[in-house]
N, C-alpha and C. Protein backbone atom coordinates (compact mmCIF):
# COMPACT_ATOMS: atom_id res chain seq x y z
N UNK A 1 0.93 -1.37 0.00
CA UNK A 1 0.18 -0.03 -0.18
C UNK A 1 0.71 1.09 -0.38
N UNK A 2 2.26 1.21 1.07
CA UNK A 2 2.97 2.27 0.88
C UNK A 2 3.55 2.85 -0.39
N UNK A 3 3.43 1.19 -1.47
CA UNK A 3 4.73 1.60 -2.40
C UNK A 3 3.25 2.29 -3.12
N UNK A 4 2.31 1.77 -3.36
CA UNK A 4 1.28 2.14 -4.18
C UNK A 4 1.06 3.52 -4.25
N UNK A 5 1.26 4.61 -2.73
CA UNK A 5 0.55 5.67 -2.68
C UNK A 5 2.06 6.55 -3.04
N UNK A 6 2.97 5.92 -2.99
CA UNK A 6 4.87 6.29 -3.05
C UNK A 6 4.34 6.77 -4.58
N UNK A 7 3.67 6.04 -5.62
CA UNK A 7 4.21 6.15 -6.90
C UNK A 7 2.88 7.32 -7.33
N UNK A 8 1.92 7.09 -6.50
CA UNK A 8 0.48 8.32 -7.14
C UNK A 8 1.01 9.03 -7.04
N UNK A 9 1.87 9.94 -5.33
CA UNK A 9 2.26 10.76 -4.95
C UNK A 9 3.46 11.63 -5.50
N UNK A 10 4.24 10.65 -6.12
CA UNK A 10 5.80 11.29 -6.14
C UNK A 10 6.17 11.11 -7.20
N UNK A 11 5.99 9.29 -7.88
CA UNK A 11 6.42 8.86 -9.23
C UNK A 11 5.67 9.58 -10.07
N UNK A 12 5.16 9.48 -10.14
CA UNK A 12 4.02 9.56 -11.21
C UNK A 12 3.97 11.27 -11.57
N UNK A 13 4.21 12.25 -10.76
CA UNK A 13 4.02 13.27 -11.31
C UNK A 13 5.76 13.38 -11.55
N UNK A 14 6.94 12.84 -11.55
CA UNK A 14 7.97 12.71 -11.51
C UNK A 14 8.26 12.02 -12.98
N UNK A 15 7.05 11.10 -13.33
CA UNK A 15 7.58 11.00 -14.89
C UNK A 15 6.92 11.54 -15.24
N UNK A 16 5.58 12.04 -15.19
CA UNK A 16 4.94 12.75 -16.43
C UNK A 16 6.01 13.90 -16.68
N UNK A 17 6.31 15.03 -16.24
CA UNK A 17 7.22 15.87 -15.67
C UNK A 17 8.75 15.86 -16.34
N UNK A 18 9.35 14.36 -15.88
CA UNK A 18 10.83 14.50 -16.75
C UNK A 18 10.41 13.70 -18.45
N UNK A 19 9.06 12.72 -18.68
CA UNK A 19 9.43 12.44 -20.11
C UNK A 19 8.99 13.39 -20.74
N UNK A 20 7.84 14.38 -19.99
CA UNK A 20 7.42 15.99 -21.28
C UNK A 20 8.61 16.49 -21.49
N UNK A 21 9.30 16.59 -20.56
CA UNK A 21 10.49 18.12 -20.91
C UNK A 21 11.44 17.65 -21.98
N UNK A 22 11.52 15.62 -21.85
CA UNK A 22 12.77 15.01 -21.85
C UNK A 22 12.57 15.27 -23.64
N UNK A 23 10.94 14.58 -24.58
CA UNK A 23 10.39 14.59 -25.37
C UNK A 23 10.27 16.13 -26.21
N UNK A 24 9.96 17.04 -25.14
CA UNK A 24 9.50 18.54 -25.61
C UNK A 24 10.86 19.17 -26.50
N UNK A 25 12.32 18.54 -25.70
CA UNK A 25 13.72 19.08 -25.89
C UNK A 25 14.14 18.56 -27.00
N UNK A 26 13.67 17.58 -27.25
CA UNK A 26 14.07 16.49 -29.03
C UNK A 26 13.33 17.35 -29.74
N UNK A 27 11.67 17.81 -29.17
CA UNK A 27 11.34 18.59 -30.77
C UNK A 27 11.51 19.64 -30.47
N UNK A 28 11.68 20.33 -29.50
CA UNK A 28 12.11 22.07 -29.66
C UNK A 28 13.51 22.02 -30.85
N UNK A 29 14.59 21.07 -30.39
CA UNK A 29 15.62 21.35 -30.73
C UNK A 29 15.40 21.65 -32.73
N UNK A 30 14.67 20.05 -32.95
CA UNK A 30 14.77 19.84 -34.55
C UNK A 30 13.80 20.84 -35.54
N UNK A 31 13.31 20.90 -34.95
CA UNK A 31 12.04 22.46 -35.07
C UNK A 31 13.52 23.50 -35.15
N UNK A 32 13.81 23.54 -34.07
CA UNK A 32 14.68 25.57 -34.22
C UNK A 32 15.99 24.77 -35.46
N UNK A 33 16.05 23.85 -35.98
CA UNK A 33 17.22 23.36 -36.79
C UNK A 33 16.69 22.83 -38.37
N UNK A 34 15.49 23.40 -38.22
CA UNK A 34 15.04 23.95 -39.28
C UNK A 34 13.62 22.79 -39.91
N UNK A 35 13.59 21.60 -38.72
CA UNK A 35 12.58 20.69 -39.41
C UNK A 35 11.17 20.86 -38.96
N UNK A 36 10.51 20.90 -39.49
CA UNK A 36 8.84 21.38 -39.14
C UNK A 36 7.87 19.69 -38.31
N UNK A 37 8.70 19.04 -38.48
CA UNK A 37 7.56 17.93 -37.94
C UNK A 37 7.21 18.00 -37.26
N UNK A 38 8.33 17.96 -35.85
CA UNK A 38 7.46 17.87 -34.60
C UNK A 38 5.95 18.71 -34.45
N UNK A 39 6.08 20.11 -35.26
CA UNK A 39 5.09 21.02 -34.90
C UNK A 39 4.21 20.76 -35.47
N UNK A 40 3.96 20.03 -36.88
CA UNK A 40 3.42 19.19 -37.35
C UNK A 40 2.49 17.71 -36.85
N UNK A 41 2.91 17.52 -36.20
CA UNK A 41 2.83 16.86 -35.42
C UNK A 41 2.40 16.89 -34.38
N UNK A 42 2.16 17.50 -33.29
CA UNK A 42 1.52 18.08 -33.14
C UNK A 42 3.08 17.71 -31.12
N UNK A 43 4.29 17.38 -31.36
CA UNK A 43 5.04 17.48 -30.55
C UNK A 43 5.65 18.69 -29.98
N UNK A 44 5.56 19.69 -30.38
CA UNK A 44 6.26 20.89 -29.61
C UNK A 44 5.40 21.38 -28.71
N UNK A 45 5.03 20.62 -27.59
CA UNK A 45 3.91 20.78 -26.99
C UNK A 45 4.89 20.15 -25.82
N UNK A 46 4.21 21.25 -24.45
CA UNK A 46 4.36 20.90 -23.21
C UNK A 46 2.93 20.14 -22.71
N UNK A 47 1.94 19.65 -23.52
CA UNK A 47 1.75 18.83 -22.68
C UNK A 47 1.93 17.62 -22.68
N UNK A 48 1.40 16.67 -21.78
CA UNK A 48 2.41 15.25 -21.62
C UNK A 48 1.63 14.41 -22.30
N UNK A 49 0.02 14.11 -22.38
CA UNK A 49 -0.82 13.46 -24.12
C UNK A 49 0.14 13.08 -24.77
N UNK A 50 0.58 14.35 -25.19
CA UNK A 50 1.16 14.25 -26.68
C UNK A 50 2.50 13.17 -26.75
N UNK A 51 3.18 13.34 -25.24
CA UNK A 51 4.45 12.44 -25.67
C UNK A 51 4.59 11.17 -24.60
N UNK A 52 3.55 10.78 -23.19
CA UNK A 52 3.40 10.21 -22.32
C UNK A 52 3.33 8.91 -23.65
N UNK A 53 4.08 7.60 -23.19
CA UNK A 53 3.80 6.06 -23.77
C UNK A 53 3.40 5.87 -21.63
N UNK A 54 2.71 4.82 -21.92
CA UNK A 54 1.46 4.43 -20.40
C UNK A 54 2.17 3.24 -20.17
N UNK A 55 2.78 2.44 -21.11
CA UNK A 55 4.14 1.41 -20.93
C UNK A 55 5.43 1.54 -20.07
N UNK A 56 6.24 2.70 -21.17
CA UNK A 56 7.19 3.43 -20.94
C UNK A 56 7.14 4.23 -19.27
N UNK A 57 5.99 4.78 -19.36
CA UNK A 57 5.81 5.76 -17.97
C UNK A 57 5.67 4.48 -17.04
N UNK A 58 5.00 4.03 -17.04
CA UNK A 58 5.17 2.77 -15.46
C UNK A 58 6.65 2.36 -15.17
N UNK A 59 7.17 2.22 -16.10
CA UNK A 59 8.47 1.25 -16.16
C UNK A 59 9.48 2.45 -15.62
N UNK A 60 9.22 3.44 -16.01
CA UNK A 60 10.27 4.20 -15.18
C UNK A 60 9.96 4.79 -13.84
N UNK A 61 8.33 5.00 -13.25
CA UNK A 61 7.91 5.04 -12.31
C UNK A 61 8.27 3.54 -11.14
N UNK A 62 8.40 2.48 -11.76
CA UNK A 62 8.14 1.50 -10.88
C UNK A 62 10.18 1.02 -11.22
N UNK A 63 10.99 0.99 -12.20
CA UNK A 63 11.75 0.22 -12.41
C UNK A 63 13.23 1.22 -12.73
N UNK A 64 12.90 2.67 -13.08
CA UNK A 64 13.69 3.71 -12.92
C UNK A 64 14.26 3.58 -15.22
N UNK A 65 14.06 3.33 -15.47
CA UNK A 65 14.29 3.73 -16.97
C UNK A 65 13.22 2.58 -17.36
N UNK A 66 12.86 3.89 -18.65
CA UNK A 66 11.17 3.69 -19.63
C UNK A 66 11.58 4.49 -20.98
N UNK A 67 10.30 4.65 -21.70
CA UNK A 67 10.92 5.13 -22.60
C UNK A 67 9.36 5.81 -23.23
N UNK A 68 9.13 6.76 -23.57
CA UNK A 68 7.46 7.73 -24.43
C UNK A 68 8.06 7.55 -25.30
N UNK A 69 6.25 8.43 -26.36
CA UNK A 69 6.37 8.17 -27.50
C UNK A 69 7.70 9.13 -28.58
N UNK A 70 7.92 7.85 -29.45
CA UNK A 70 9.43 8.63 -30.00
C UNK A 70 8.96 9.59 -31.15
N UNK A 71 9.37 10.69 -30.97
CA UNK A 71 9.24 11.95 -31.53
C UNK A 71 9.63 12.08 -32.86
N UNK A 72 9.19 12.35 -33.87
CA UNK A 72 9.70 12.00 -35.54
C UNK A 72 9.91 12.95 -35.92
N UNK A 73 11.69 12.63 -36.48
CA UNK A 73 11.90 14.10 -37.71
C UNK A 73 12.22 14.26 -38.72
N UNK A 74 12.56 14.68 -39.59
CA UNK A 74 12.78 14.66 -40.47
C UNK A 74 14.35 15.57 -41.01
N UNK A 75 15.37 14.10 -40.68
CA UNK A 75 16.53 14.86 -40.38
C UNK A 75 16.76 15.38 -41.84
N UNK A 76 16.66 15.02 -42.74
CA UNK A 76 16.30 15.48 -44.38
C UNK A 76 16.91 17.02 -44.23
N UNK A 77 15.83 18.20 -43.25
CA UNK A 77 15.88 19.40 -43.45
C UNK A 77 16.55 19.97 -42.65
N UNK A 78 17.94 19.38 -41.80
CA UNK A 78 18.50 19.77 -41.62
C UNK A 78 20.06 20.08 -42.38
N UNK A 79 20.81 21.22 -42.40
CA UNK A 79 22.00 21.38 -43.40
C UNK A 79 22.94 19.98 -43.68
N UNK A 80 23.07 19.55 -41.67
CA UNK A 80 24.28 19.27 -41.23
C UNK A 80 23.59 17.39 -40.87
N UNK A 81 22.70 16.27 -41.70
CA UNK A 81 21.61 15.09 -41.25
C UNK A 81 21.92 14.99 -40.24
N UNK A 82 23.93 14.04 -40.35
CA UNK A 82 24.09 13.56 -38.64
C UNK A 82 24.52 14.55 -37.66
N UNK A 83 24.82 15.38 -37.92
CA UNK A 83 24.92 16.83 -36.91
C UNK A 83 24.02 17.10 -36.22
N UNK A 84 22.71 17.27 -37.32
CA UNK A 84 21.67 17.38 -36.87
C UNK A 84 20.48 16.78 -35.65
N UNK A 85 20.99 15.74 -35.87
CA UNK A 85 20.62 14.35 -35.81
C UNK A 85 21.18 14.31 -34.56
N UNK A 86 22.06 14.71 -33.91
CA UNK A 86 22.82 14.27 -33.23
C UNK A 86 22.50 15.22 -31.90
N UNK A 87 22.88 16.21 -32.27
CA UNK A 87 21.87 17.77 -31.39
C UNK A 87 20.43 17.85 -31.32
N UNK A 88 20.02 17.02 -32.04
CA UNK A 88 18.07 16.39 -31.84
C UNK A 88 17.89 15.47 -30.70
N UNK A 89 18.76 14.22 -30.48
CA UNK A 89 18.63 13.72 -30.26
C UNK A 89 19.14 14.02 -28.35
N UNK A 90 20.97 14.52 -27.96
CA UNK A 90 21.64 14.83 -27.20
C UNK A 90 20.40 16.11 -25.98
N UNK A 91 19.81 16.42 -26.73
CA UNK A 91 18.81 17.45 -26.30
C UNK A 91 18.38 17.01 -25.41
N UNK A 92 17.70 15.40 -25.17
CA UNK A 92 16.69 15.15 -24.73
C UNK A 92 17.34 14.73 -23.24
N UNK A 93 18.43 14.17 -23.41
CA UNK A 93 19.04 13.50 -22.01
C UNK A 93 19.39 15.09 -21.03
N UNK A 94 20.37 16.02 -21.79
CA UNK A 94 20.76 16.95 -21.75
C UNK A 94 19.84 18.01 -21.35
N UNK A 95 18.44 17.93 -21.12
CA UNK A 95 17.16 18.62 -20.80
C UNK A 95 17.57 17.65 -19.48
N UNK A 96 16.71 16.18 -19.34
CA UNK A 96 16.74 15.50 -17.92
C UNK A 96 18.08 15.69 -17.35
N UNK A 97 19.32 16.07 -17.42
CA UNK A 97 20.18 16.61 -16.35
C UNK A 97 20.18 17.52 -15.77
N UNK A 98 19.04 18.71 -16.83
CA UNK A 98 19.40 20.19 -16.34
C UNK A 98 18.29 19.84 -14.91
N UNK A 99 17.36 19.20 -14.89
CA UNK A 99 16.41 19.10 -14.20
C UNK A 99 16.46 18.47 -13.36
N UNK A 100 17.64 17.18 -13.43
CA UNK A 100 18.20 17.03 -11.92
C UNK A 100 18.60 17.72 -11.08
N UNK A 101 19.98 18.45 -11.70
CA UNK A 101 19.99 19.86 -11.16
C UNK A 101 19.32 20.75 -10.62
N UNK A 102 18.38 20.61 -11.05
CA UNK A 102 17.35 21.86 -10.70
C UNK A 102 16.66 21.05 -9.64
N UNK A 103 16.10 20.12 -9.58
CA UNK A 103 15.65 19.32 -8.48
C UNK A 103 16.53 19.11 -7.47
N UNK A 104 18.03 19.06 -7.48
CA UNK A 104 18.78 19.12 -6.13
C UNK A 104 18.85 20.91 -5.81
N UNK A 105 18.79 20.83 -6.63
CA UNK A 105 18.62 22.80 -6.14
C UNK A 105 17.50 22.73 -5.50
N UNK A 106 16.25 22.79 -5.50
CA UNK A 106 15.05 22.45 -5.04
C UNK A 106 15.19 21.62 -3.71
N UNK A 107 15.78 20.78 -3.40
CA UNK A 107 15.83 20.29 -2.26
C UNK A 107 17.12 20.83 -1.25
N UNK A 108 18.08 21.42 -1.97
CA UNK A 108 19.26 21.82 -1.37
C UNK A 108 18.52 23.11 -0.77
N UNK A 109 17.48 24.30 -1.49
CA UNK A 109 17.10 25.32 -0.84
C UNK A 109 16.43 25.35 0.15
N UNK A 110 15.27 23.98 0.46
CA UNK A 110 14.67 23.68 1.07
C UNK A 110 14.86 22.85 2.21
N UNK A 111 16.76 22.41 2.77
CA UNK A 111 17.30 21.98 3.58
C UNK A 111 18.09 22.58 4.51
N UNK A 112 18.01 23.70 3.24
CA UNK A 112 18.81 25.44 3.85
C UNK A 112 17.24 26.47 5.00
N UNK A 113 16.47 25.90 4.54
CA UNK A 113 15.38 26.67 5.44
C UNK A 113 14.76 26.12 6.31
N UNK A 114 15.13 24.54 7.16
CA UNK A 114 15.49 23.46 7.79
C UNK A 114 13.51 23.40 8.01
N UNK A 115 13.18 23.61 7.04
CA UNK A 115 11.70 23.61 6.90
C UNK A 115 11.29 22.21 6.70
N UNK A 116 11.85 21.31 5.86
CA UNK A 116 12.30 19.97 5.09
C UNK A 116 12.77 19.03 7.19
N UNK A 117 13.72 19.31 8.18
CA UNK A 117 13.60 19.33 9.60
C UNK A 117 12.25 19.52 10.71
N UNK A 118 11.79 20.30 10.21
CA UNK A 118 10.83 21.26 11.34
C UNK A 118 9.92 20.29 11.28
N UNK A 119 9.52 19.61 10.06
CA UNK A 119 8.11 18.84 9.79
C UNK A 119 7.45 19.49 9.36
N UNK A 120 7.80 20.06 8.66
CA UNK A 120 6.39 21.17 7.16
C UNK A 120 6.13 20.10 6.28
N UNK A 121 4.39 19.77 6.28
CA UNK A 121 3.26 18.65 6.20
C UNK A 121 4.25 19.26 3.98
N UNK A 122 4.41 20.47 3.48
CA UNK A 122 4.08 21.05 2.55
C UNK A 122 5.58 20.77 2.05
N UNK A 123 6.81 21.46 2.40
CA UNK A 123 8.12 21.29 2.51
C UNK A 123 8.17 20.09 2.01
N UNK A 124 8.05 18.94 3.36
CA UNK A 124 8.51 17.67 2.98
C UNK A 124 7.97 17.00 1.97
N UNK A 125 6.86 17.00 1.30
CA UNK A 125 6.20 17.07 0.64
C UNK A 125 6.94 16.90 -1.14
N UNK A 126 7.76 18.50 -0.89
CA UNK A 126 8.19 18.80 -2.24
C UNK A 126 9.54 18.53 -1.93
N UNK A 127 9.95 18.09 -1.04
CA UNK A 127 11.25 17.11 -0.89
C UNK A 127 11.49 16.04 -1.21
N UNK A 128 10.75 15.53 -0.68
CA UNK A 128 10.76 14.05 -1.47
C UNK A 128 10.31 13.96 -2.85
N UNK A 129 8.93 14.73 -3.73
CA UNK A 129 9.12 15.13 -4.71
C UNK A 129 10.58 15.54 -6.06
N UNK A 130 11.12 16.51 -5.60
CA UNK A 130 12.48 16.69 -5.94
C UNK A 130 12.92 15.37 -6.33
N UNK A 131 13.21 14.70 -4.91
CA UNK A 131 14.33 13.85 -5.65
C UNK A 131 13.80 12.70 -5.81
N UNK A 132 12.59 12.80 -6.40
CA UNK A 132 12.01 11.37 -7.35
C UNK A 132 12.19 12.01 -8.48
N UNK A 133 11.93 13.09 -8.93
CA UNK A 133 12.23 13.82 -9.87
C UNK A 133 13.69 13.76 -10.43
N UNK A 134 14.81 13.87 -9.03
CA UNK A 134 15.88 13.58 -9.71
C UNK A 134 16.89 12.20 -10.52
N UNK A 135 16.21 11.75 -8.85
CA UNK A 135 16.22 9.61 -9.55
C UNK A 135 15.87 9.91 -10.72
N UNK A 136 14.25 10.05 -11.24
CA UNK A 136 14.42 9.63 -12.40
C UNK A 136 14.19 10.20 -13.31
N UNK A 137 14.27 11.26 -13.27
CA UNK A 137 15.42 12.22 -14.52
C UNK A 137 16.55 11.55 -14.88
N UNK A 138 17.86 11.96 -13.92
CA UNK A 138 18.81 11.37 -13.70
C UNK A 138 18.53 9.86 -14.81
N UNK A 139 18.16 8.71 -14.18
CA UNK A 139 18.04 7.80 -14.44
C UNK A 139 17.48 7.99 -16.40
N UNK A 140 16.21 8.65 -16.66
CA UNK A 140 16.20 8.72 -18.05
C UNK A 140 17.41 9.11 -19.23
N UNK A 141 17.89 9.97 -18.43
CA UNK A 141 19.18 11.13 -19.41
C UNK A 141 19.77 9.84 -19.52
N UNK A 142 20.48 8.77 -18.35
CA UNK A 142 21.39 8.06 -18.16
C UNK A 142 21.24 7.44 -19.46
N UNK A 143 20.01 6.33 -19.43
CA UNK A 143 19.28 5.07 -20.18
C UNK A 143 19.67 5.52 -21.40
N UNK A 144 19.66 7.10 -21.87
CA UNK A 144 19.07 7.42 -23.34
C UNK A 144 20.14 7.67 -23.92
N UNK A 145 21.50 7.72 -22.54
CA UNK A 145 22.25 8.01 -23.53
C UNK A 145 23.43 6.19 -24.02
N UNK A 146 23.52 5.18 -23.96
CA UNK A 146 23.42 4.42 -23.68
C UNK A 146 23.17 4.06 -25.46
N UNK A 147 24.63 3.72 -26.21
CA UNK A 147 24.84 3.83 -28.11
C UNK A 147 24.01 2.30 -28.13
N UNK A 148 22.87 2.47 -28.01
CA UNK A 148 21.88 1.62 -28.39
C UNK A 148 20.56 1.99 -29.41
N UNK A 149 21.09 0.89 -30.69
CA UNK A 149 19.58 2.00 -31.61
C UNK A 149 17.97 1.19 -30.62
N UNK A 150 17.21 1.82 -30.48
CA UNK A 150 16.84 3.43 -30.28
C UNK A 150 17.24 3.92 -29.71
N UNK A 151 17.81 4.10 -28.82
CA UNK A 151 17.87 4.78 -28.01
C UNK A 151 18.71 6.30 -28.56
N UNK A 152 18.75 7.04 -27.70
CA UNK A 152 19.42 8.66 -28.19
C UNK A 152 21.11 8.22 -28.44
N UNK A 153 21.50 7.87 -27.75
CA UNK A 153 23.02 7.64 -27.64
C UNK A 153 23.75 6.75 -28.72
N UNK A 154 22.13 6.32 -29.58
CA UNK A 154 22.71 5.78 -30.41
C UNK A 154 22.70 6.67 -32.09
N UNK A 155 22.55 8.14 -31.93
CA UNK A 155 22.10 9.04 -32.70
C UNK A 155 23.11 9.62 -32.51
N UNK A 156 23.82 9.65 -31.11
CA UNK A 156 25.05 10.55 -30.79
C UNK A 156 26.02 10.40 -31.58
N UNK A 157 26.02 8.72 -31.64
CA UNK A 157 27.77 8.55 -32.19
C UNK A 157 27.95 8.77 -33.51
N UNK A 158 26.44 9.00 -34.18
CA UNK A 158 26.73 9.45 -35.22
C UNK A 158 27.57 9.80 -35.97
N UNK A 159 27.49 11.28 -34.83
CA UNK A 159 29.07 12.28 -35.59
C UNK A 159 30.10 12.17 -35.96
N UNK A 160 30.74 10.73 -34.80
CA UNK A 160 32.05 10.61 -35.02
C UNK A 160 32.36 8.96 -36.03
N UNK A 161 30.59 8.24 -36.05
CA UNK A 161 31.17 7.82 -37.47
C UNK A 161 31.02 7.48 -38.43
N UNK A 162 32.08 7.06 -39.20
CA UNK A 162 31.51 7.60 -41.08
C UNK A 162 30.67 6.92 -41.09
N UNK A 163 29.66 7.63 -42.66
CA UNK A 163 28.58 7.39 -43.16
C UNK A 163 28.62 6.16 -43.29
N UNK A 164 28.97 4.99 -44.26
CA UNK A 164 28.29 4.15 -44.40
C UNK A 164 28.35 3.19 -43.29
N UNK A 165 29.29 3.56 -42.04
CA UNK A 165 28.91 2.51 -40.78
C UNK A 165 28.40 3.10 -40.45
N UNK A 166 27.44 4.20 -40.00
CA UNK A 166 26.72 4.47 -39.03
C UNK A 166 25.63 4.45 -39.86
N UNK A 167 25.09 4.46 -41.31
CA UNK A 167 23.52 3.93 -41.86
C UNK A 167 23.84 2.80 -41.86
N UNK A 168 24.81 1.64 -41.59
CA UNK A 168 24.21 0.60 -41.88
C UNK A 168 24.33 0.03 -40.16
N UNK A 169 24.92 0.89 -38.87
CA UNK A 169 24.04 0.41 -37.97
C UNK A 169 22.67 0.92 -37.65
N UNK A 170 21.91 2.01 -38.22
CA UNK A 170 20.58 2.02 -37.42
C UNK A 170 19.46 1.62 -38.69
N UNK A 171 20.32 0.56 -39.55
CA UNK A 171 19.43 -0.36 -40.21
C UNK A 171 18.99 -1.30 -38.92
N UNK A 172 19.24 -1.74 -38.17
CA UNK A 172 19.00 -2.38 -36.86
C UNK A 172 18.50 -2.09 -36.36
N UNK A 173 18.04 -0.40 -36.41
CA UNK A 173 16.99 0.48 -35.35
C UNK A 173 15.78 -0.68 -35.30
N UNK A 174 15.03 -0.95 -35.87
CA UNK A 174 13.65 -1.33 -35.87
C UNK A 174 14.38 -3.18 -35.19
N UNK A 175 15.03 -3.15 -35.16
CA UNK A 175 15.52 -4.90 -33.76
C UNK A 175 16.13 -4.40 -32.50
N UNK A 176 15.92 -3.09 -32.45
CA UNK A 176 17.27 -2.59 -30.94
C UNK A 176 15.97 -2.58 -29.70
N UNK A 177 14.76 -2.49 -30.33
CA UNK A 177 13.68 -2.79 -28.98
C UNK A 177 13.88 -3.42 -28.39
N UNK A 178 13.59 -4.92 -29.51
CA UNK A 178 13.61 -6.34 -28.84
C UNK A 178 14.59 -6.50 -28.29
N UNK A 179 15.87 -6.17 -28.72
CA UNK A 179 16.58 -6.65 -28.28
C UNK A 179 17.35 -5.82 -26.76
N UNK A 180 17.13 -4.38 -26.96
CA UNK A 180 16.81 -4.28 -25.39
C UNK A 180 16.23 -4.22 -24.29
N UNK A 181 14.70 -5.17 -24.84
CA UNK A 181 14.38 -6.15 -23.64
C UNK A 181 14.70 -7.46 -23.31
N UNK A 182 15.26 -7.83 -23.89
CA UNK A 182 15.80 -9.53 -23.76
C UNK A 182 17.13 -8.85 -22.47
N UNK A 183 18.20 -7.69 -23.22
CA UNK A 183 19.08 -7.08 -21.89
C UNK A 183 18.16 -6.64 -21.32
N UNK A 184 17.68 -5.87 -21.07
CA UNK A 184 16.84 -5.37 -19.52
C UNK A 184 16.70 -6.35 -18.92
N UNK A 185 16.17 -7.36 -19.80
CA UNK A 185 15.32 -8.73 -18.62
C UNK A 185 16.23 -9.62 -17.99
N UNK A 186 17.48 -9.09 -18.98
CA UNK A 186 18.79 -10.85 -17.84
C UNK A 186 19.57 -9.61 -17.05
N UNK A 187 19.56 -8.18 -16.56
CA UNK A 187 19.71 -7.06 -16.16
C UNK A 187 21.22 -7.03 -16.46
N UNK A 188 21.51 -7.19 -17.81
CA UNK A 188 22.71 -6.63 -17.87
C UNK A 188 23.33 -5.40 -17.53
N UNK A 189 22.05 -4.01 -18.15
CA UNK A 189 22.52 -2.70 -17.56
C UNK A 189 22.88 -2.31 -15.72
N UNK A 190 22.21 -3.16 -15.12
CA UNK A 190 21.86 -2.88 -13.39
C UNK A 190 22.75 -2.14 -13.05
N UNK A 191 23.91 -2.95 -12.68
CA UNK A 191 24.60 -2.23 -12.10
C UNK A 191 25.64 -1.22 -12.28
N UNK A 192 26.07 -0.66 -14.20
CA UNK A 192 26.30 0.20 -14.48
C UNK A 192 25.27 2.17 -14.48
N UNK A 193 24.11 1.12 -14.53
CA UNK A 193 23.20 2.70 -14.70
C UNK A 193 23.04 3.18 -13.06
N UNK A 194 22.98 1.84 -12.16
CA UNK A 194 22.96 2.48 -11.24
C UNK A 194 23.96 3.12 -10.37
N UNK A 195 25.50 3.19 -11.21
CA UNK A 195 26.63 3.34 -10.30
C UNK A 195 26.32 4.76 -10.85
N UNK A 196 26.32 5.06 -12.54
CA UNK A 196 26.27 6.17 -12.48
C UNK A 196 25.43 6.74 -12.65
N UNK A 197 24.17 6.62 -12.13
CA UNK A 197 22.70 7.64 -10.76
C UNK A 197 23.38 7.60 -10.58
N UNK A 198 24.48 7.25 -9.34
CA UNK A 198 24.38 7.57 -7.81
C UNK A 198 25.60 8.72 -8.19
N UNK A 199 26.48 8.64 -8.93
CA UNK A 199 27.48 9.58 -9.68
C UNK A 199 27.30 10.71 -9.80
N UNK A 200 25.85 11.07 -10.54
CA UNK A 200 25.33 11.51 -11.11
C UNK A 200 24.21 13.10 -10.19
N UNK A 201 23.44 12.32 -9.70
CA UNK A 201 23.19 12.71 -8.84
C UNK A 201 23.51 13.12 -7.45
N UNK A 202 24.69 12.80 -6.99
CA UNK A 202 25.51 13.16 -5.79
C UNK A 202 26.55 13.60 -6.21
N UNK A 203 26.88 13.94 -7.15
CA UNK A 203 27.65 15.06 -8.24
C UNK A 203 26.80 16.61 -7.97
N UNK A 204 25.63 16.12 -8.45
CA UNK A 204 25.06 17.40 -8.55
C UNK A 204 24.68 18.45 -7.31
N UNK A 205 24.08 17.18 -6.65
CA UNK A 205 24.04 17.60 -5.26
C UNK A 205 25.56 18.08 -4.46
N UNK A 206 27.02 18.16 -4.63
CA UNK A 206 27.82 18.11 -4.40
C UNK A 206 27.64 19.72 -5.02
N UNK A 207 27.61 19.79 -5.85
CA UNK A 207 27.84 21.04 -6.48
C UNK A 207 26.48 22.03 -5.67
N UNK A 208 25.16 21.85 -5.69
CA UNK A 208 24.75 22.63 -4.70
C UNK A 208 24.88 22.69 -2.69
N UNK A 209 25.38 21.61 -2.82
CA UNK A 209 26.13 22.09 -1.18
C UNK A 209 26.64 23.11 -1.57
N UNK A 210 27.89 22.95 -1.86
CA UNK A 210 28.67 24.27 -2.68
C UNK A 210 27.71 25.49 -2.63
N UNK A 211 27.03 25.90 -4.08
CA UNK A 211 26.33 26.57 -3.81
C UNK A 211 25.77 27.53 -3.00
N UNK A 212 25.12 26.55 -2.17
CA UNK A 212 24.02 27.42 -0.60
C UNK A 212 25.23 26.73 0.12
N UNK A 213 26.07 26.44 0.28
CA UNK A 213 27.29 26.54 1.34
C UNK A 213 26.57 25.60 2.67
N UNK A 214 25.81 24.49 2.30
CA UNK A 214 25.16 23.53 3.00
C UNK A 214 25.73 22.91 3.99
């Protein structure tokens, strides 16, 4: 029962915010690079209903990894398709890390005021909510940087791959999700992802502590 309450009060809103901003960032950068597809398909929006995949959101809320509806883009609209795809792909994880930092900053400000320690219910709620946002957002950003199709990382490495290798690599994108599910089922990524998540979150909180003199 307590787990269900935590999901509804904290994990659900944190998941919605995290995924919405991730996908909006993809859409916004692609649009700014000259691609009108995100706007025409309704993805240049902060409306969560435009972005959330129910199963992917549930996985993120419970297992700290997940996915949203893929943003359709047209690489042919970019001046440099490979660079444009890499920038568009990186925008999502970058937004997640920015969100993680501000969530940690929110925790730090609440801790600085002493409101959390004083047992103020409202501040307690937001302190825990910010924690969930930080953990889930960092996890989504790190997970998507794995250079495996169809994750963002597979498009980011396109900058350093020769074109013939890059396009050969991306031909397997249609099978990537199935293989990815198999790897996740066997917990192949668990240890490195948890370690990286701790590094990112703890590192950002260390910066927050310095900024706020905690």
